[in-house]
Amino acid sequence: QVQLVESGGGLVQPGGSLRLSCVARGLTFSNYRMSWYRQAPGKERELVAATIVAGSATWYGDSVQGRFTISKDNPKNTVYLQMNSLKPEDTAVYYCNAYGLRTQSQYWGQGTQVTVSS
């Protein structure tokens, strides 16, 4: 059974930082593209950042480019999202996503709330 378990969300002031973690269980980590998405109230879910576990390629949404960094720890089956210079518009539920490059299977975490407010 595949599980994606996120942690690290919370309340932070504008300009602050947070690091999200996602531990992937029950899958072969190296066969996946791992991504972070977010969804704010009343808005569609949007891609924030993505990385190929078996390689070095990364992608970022325009709104987070230069502020957020996605990274991974393959032995720990974990992907991180370091978020710096946070803005109120970054407030959303952040979801971890695993997409199988061979199987096209897709899995989602339960989401973690990030709130940026003074």
Protein backbone atom coordinates (compact mmCIF):
# COMPACT_ATOMS: atom_id res chain seq x y z
CA GLN A 1 0.00 0.00 0.00
CA VAL A 2 1.41 3.33 -1.07
CA GLN A 3 1.47 6.15 1.45
CA LEU A 4 2.73 9.69 1.12
CA VAL A 5 3.07 11.32 4.53
CA GLU A 6 3.61 15.08 4.62
CA SER A 7 4.77 17.19 7.52
CA GLY A 8 6.21 20.63 8.24
CA GLY A 9 3.31 22.95 7.58
CA GLY A 10 2.25 25.68 9.95
CA LEU A 11 1.84 29.40 10.54
CA VAL A 12 4.67 31.71 9.54
CA GLN A 13 5.06 35.47 9.17
CA PRO A 14 5.62 37.05 5.77
CA GLY A 15 9.28 36.79 4.82
CA GLY A 16 9.73 33.66 6.90
CA SER A 17 10.67 30.12 5.92
CA LEU A 18 9.28 26.61 6.25
CA ARG A 19 10.44 23.20 5.10
CA LEU A 20 7.92 20.58 4.10
CA SER A 21 8.76 16.87 4.07
CA CYS A 22 7.09 13.98 2.30
CA VAL A 23 7.98 10.39 3.10
CA ALA A 24 6.97 7.89 0.42
CA ARG A 25 6.19 4.35 1.56
CA GLY A 26 5.25 1.28 -0.45
CA LEU A 27 6.74 2.31 -3.77
CA THR A 28 10.06 2.16 -5.58
CA PHE A 29 11.12 5.75 -5.03
CA SER A 30 13.56 5.88 -7.95
CA ASN A 31 10.78 5.10 -10.47
CA TYR A 32 8.81 8.22 -9.67
CA ARG A 33 8.56 11.90 -10.32
CA MET A 34 7.87 13.60 -7.00
CA SER A 35 6.02 16.89 -6.93
CA TRP A 36 4.54 19.45 -4.60
CA TYR A 37 1.19 21.00 -5.45
CA ARG A 38 -0.86 23.53 -3.54
CA GLN A 39 -4.47 24.57 -3.41
CA ALA A 40 -5.74 27.79 -1.92
CA PRO A 41 -9.42 28.30 -1.02
CA GLY A 42 -11.49 28.89 -4.13
CA LYS A 43 -8.59 28.17 -6.47
CA GLU A 44 -7.48 25.22 -8.54
CA ARG A 45 -4.66 22.97 -7.45
CA GLU A 46 -1.40 24.17 -8.98
CA LEU A 47 2.01 22.64 -9.47
CA VAL A 48 4.62 24.22 -7.22
CA ALA A 49 7.73 22.13 -7.86
CA ALA A 50 8.74 18.74 -9.22
CA THR A 51 11.80 16.52 -9.42
CA ILE A 52 12.76 13.25 -11.06
CA VAL A 53 14.00 11.00 -8.27
CA ALA A 54 16.46 9.09 -10.47
CA GLY A 55 17.91 12.25 -12.00
CA SER A 56 18.64 15.90 -11.30
CA ALA A 57 15.92 17.68 -13.26
CA THR A 58 13.64 20.04 -11.36
CA TRP A 59 10.73 22.34 -12.30
CA TYR A 60 9.20 25.27 -10.49
CA GLY A 61 6.04 27.28 -10.87
CA ASP A 62 6.61 30.88 -11.91
CA SER A 63 5.23 32.21 -8.66
CA VAL A 64 7.79 30.36 -6.51
CA GLN A 65 10.85 30.40 -8.77
CA GLY A 66 13.86 31.65 -6.81
CA ARG A 67 12.13 31.29 -3.43
CA PHE A 68 11.33 27.58 -3.16
CA THR A 69 13.69 24.63 -3.56
CA ILE A 70 12.74 20.99 -4.03
CA SER A 71 15.20 18.33 -2.95
CA LYS A 72 15.25 14.64 -2.14
CA ASP A 73 16.95 12.11 0.07
CA ASN A 74 16.77 8.86 -1.85
CA PRO A 75 17.84 6.49 0.96
CA LYS A 76 15.08 7.98 3.11
CA ASN A 77 12.45 7.96 0.33
CA THR A 78 11.82 11.59 1.21
CA VAL A 79 11.27 14.73 -0.82
CA TYR A 80 11.49 18.21 0.69
CA LEU A 81 10.22 21.64 -0.20
CA GLN A 82 12.24 24.48 1.29
CA MET A 83 10.15 27.63 1.18
CA ASN A 84 11.85 30.99 1.75
CA SER A 85 10.64 34.58 1.56
CA LEU A 86 7.09 33.41 2.10
CA LYS A 87 4.22 35.66 1.08
CA PRO A 88 0.58 35.72 2.15
CA GLU A 89 -0.35 34.45 -1.31
CA ASP A 90 1.61 31.26 -0.58
CA THR A 91 -1.10 30.33 1.92
CA ALA A 92 -2.59 27.01 0.83
CA VAL A 93 -2.80 23.32 1.53
CA TYR A 94 0.34 21.73 0.12
CA TYR A 95 0.14 18.21 -1.31
CA CYS A 96 2.85 15.72 -2.10
CA ASN A 97 2.39 13.80 -5.36
CA ALA A 98 4.10 10.71 -6.75
CA TYR A 99 3.81 9.92 -10.47
CA GLY A 100 5.11 6.61 -11.77
CA LEU A 101 7.27 7.17 -14.82
CA ARG A 102 6.77 3.59 -16.00
CA THR A 103 3.26 2.84 -14.74
CA GLN A 104 1.65 6.32 -14.90
CA SER A 105 0.19 5.52 -11.50
CA GLN A 106 -0.37 8.53 -9.29
CA TYR A 107 -0.60 8.99 -5.55
CA TRP A 108 -1.38 11.93 -3.27
CA GLY A 109 -0.61 12.76 0.31
CA GLN A 110 -3.21 14.04 2.73
CA GLY A 111 -1.97 17.64 2.53
CA THR A 112 -0.41 20.00 5.02
CA GLN A 113 -1.62 23.54 5.70
CA VAL A 114 0.73 26.47 5.22
CA THR A 115 -0.49 29.85 6.42
CA VAL A 116 1.53 33.02 5.87
CA SER A 117 0.18 35.84 7.98
CA SER A 118 1.30 38.52 10.37
